[in-house]
Amino acid sequence: MPKRDEWQHWGVPLEPPHALLHPPAGQPIDDNQRTMVLDWAVNQYIANGWRMESRSQTQAVLVRGDAVNHVLHAILTVFTCLLWGIVWLALAAVSKVERVALTVDQAGHVQAVQGPG
């Protein structure tokens, strides 16, 4: 499991409240509990500005940021005799899209993997 401080730059704690996990000693949690833990983790990310891209019972992919609409900017650049190209280049340089995949293992631990932007 990744260390908690590895993911602090996202500002989202990855460990659910202990009240969500009540498995018998040494036993894995059931599918309903895994889903509840994932729901909790997804809600933490959504509260911090992420949006859900896809979801299954034990995995979710979340995304933050917006991609540049290159078709629109190309049309604007042509109609403004290339002047809009400066704005387009600036937007393309600063805009970024972040993705993270959250999974819940049999022990109820949330694992986050940063995906391609």
Protein backbone atom coordinates (compact mmCIF):
# COMPACT_ATOMS: atom_id res chain seq x y z
CA MET A 1 0.00 0.00 0.00
CA PRO A 2 1.36 3.47 -0.81
CA LYS A 3 2.43 5.62 2.06
CA ARG A 4 -0.03 8.28 3.09
CA ASP A 5 2.45 11.13 2.51
CA GLU A 6 3.01 10.05 -1.12
CA TRP A 7 -0.51 11.21 -1.97
CA GLN A 8 -0.67 14.34 0.20
CA HIS A 9 -0.08 16.58 -2.81
CA TRP A 10 -3.64 15.72 -3.84
CA GLY A 11 -4.92 16.72 -0.43
CA VAL A 12 -7.07 13.60 -0.12
CA PRO A 13 -6.68 11.10 2.74
CA LEU A 14 -6.76 7.55 1.41
CA GLU A 15 -7.67 5.68 4.57
CA PRO A 16 -11.41 5.42 5.24
CA PRO A 17 -12.80 5.90 8.73
CA HIS A 18 -12.33 2.80 10.85
CA ALA A 19 -16.10 2.55 11.30
CA LEU A 20 -16.47 1.41 7.66
CA LEU A 21 -14.29 -1.64 8.21
CA HIS A 22 -15.51 -4.31 10.60
CA PRO A 23 -14.21 -7.61 9.20
CA PRO A 24 -13.57 -10.54 11.53
CA ALA A 25 -9.95 -10.69 12.63
CA GLY A 26 -7.76 -11.70 9.71
CA GLN A 27 -10.67 -12.01 7.27
CA PRO A 28 -11.10 -9.97 4.08
CA ILE A 29 -13.99 -7.53 3.87
CA ASP A 30 -17.00 -8.38 1.73
CA ASP A 31 -17.91 -6.73 -1.59
CA ASN A 32 -20.47 -4.39 -0.01
CA GLN A 33 -17.88 -3.04 2.41
CA ARG A 34 -15.36 -2.63 -0.42
CA THR A 35 -17.96 -0.63 -2.34
CA MET A 36 -18.65 1.54 0.72
CA VAL A 37 -14.94 2.21 1.17
CA LEU A 38 -14.62 3.16 -2.50
CA ASP A 39 -17.68 5.42 -2.21
CA TRP A 40 -16.02 7.17 0.70
CA ALA A 41 -12.74 7.66 -1.19
CA VAL A 42 -14.52 8.91 -4.33
CA ASN A 43 -16.51 11.40 -2.26
CA GLN A 44 -13.26 12.71 -0.76
CA TYR A 45 -11.86 13.36 -4.23
CA ILE A 46 -15.09 14.90 -5.55
CA ALA A 47 -15.12 17.27 -2.59
CA ASN A 48 -11.67 18.43 -3.72
CA GLY A 49 -12.72 19.25 -7.28
CA TRP A 50 -12.27 15.93 -9.10
CA ARG A 51 -14.98 14.41 -11.30
CA MET A 52 -15.69 10.76 -12.01
CA GLU A 53 -14.79 9.42 -15.44
CA SER A 54 -15.65 5.74 -14.91
CA ARG A 55 -16.66 3.47 -12.06
CA SER A 56 -17.01 -0.22 -11.22
CA GLN A 57 -17.76 -1.92 -7.91
CA THR A 58 -14.15 -1.78 -6.67
CA GLN A 59 -12.45 0.73 -8.97
CA ALA A 60 -13.03 4.33 -10.01
CA VAL A 61 -11.20 6.65 -12.37
CA LEU A 62 -11.32 10.33 -11.48
CA VAL A 63 -10.16 13.32 -13.50
CA ARG A 64 -9.35 16.93 -12.70
CA GLY A 65 -8.73 19.76 -15.14
CA ASP A 66 -9.90 20.38 -18.68
CA ALA A 67 -8.27 19.72 -22.01
CA VAL A 68 -7.87 22.52 -24.54
CA ASN A 69 -10.43 22.49 -27.37
CA HIS A 70 -7.90 22.62 -30.22
CA VAL A 71 -10.52 22.67 -32.99
CA LEU A 72 -12.19 25.77 -31.58
CA HIS A 73 -8.87 27.53 -31.09
CA ALA A 74 -7.74 26.64 -34.60
CA ILE A 75 -10.90 28.18 -36.06
CA LEU A 76 -10.47 31.31 -33.92
CA THR A 77 -6.83 31.57 -34.99
CA VAL A 78 -7.77 31.45 -38.68
CA PHE A 79 -10.54 34.03 -38.31
CA THR A 80 -8.33 36.45 -36.35
CA CYS A 81 -5.43 36.24 -38.82
CA LEU A 82 -3.29 34.22 -36.41
CA LEU A 83 -3.65 36.66 -33.48
CA TRP A 84 -5.62 34.15 -31.41
CA GLY A 85 -2.69 31.75 -31.77
CA ILE A 86 -0.93 33.54 -28.90
CA VAL A 87 -3.85 32.82 -26.58
CA TRP A 88 -4.03 29.25 -27.85
CA LEU A 89 -0.35 28.63 -27.14
CA ALA A 90 -0.68 30.09 -23.65
CA LEU A 91 -3.70 27.93 -22.85
CA ALA A 92 -2.04 24.81 -24.21
CA ALA A 93 1.04 25.49 -22.08
CA VAL A 94 -0.78 25.92 -18.76
CA SER A 95 -3.75 23.57 -19.03
CA LYS A 96 -3.37 20.06 -17.72
CA VAL A 97 -5.54 17.06 -17.06
CA GLU A 98 -4.85 14.77 -14.11
CA ARG A 99 -6.25 11.26 -13.72
CA VAL A 100 -6.19 8.94 -10.76
CA ALA A 101 -7.45 5.36 -10.52
CA LEU A 102 -8.72 4.27 -7.11
CA THR A 103 -9.01 0.59 -6.23
CA VAL A 104 -9.98 -1.16 -3.01
CA ASP A 105 -8.21 -4.39 -2.13
CA GLN A 106 -9.61 -7.31 -0.10
CA ALA A 107 -8.34 -5.75 3.14
CA GLY A 108 -10.21 -2.50 2.46
CA HIS A 109 -7.17 -0.41 1.63
CA VAL A 110 -7.63 2.28 -1.02
CA GLN A 111 -4.83 2.41 -3.55
CA ALA A 112 -4.41 5.37 -5.86
CA VAL A 113 -2.46 5.24 -9.11
CA GLN A 114 -1.87 8.39 -11.09
CA GLY A 115 -2.83 7.91 -14.71
CA PRO A 116 -1.91 9.64 -17.94
CA GLY A 117 -3.14 13.19 -18.33
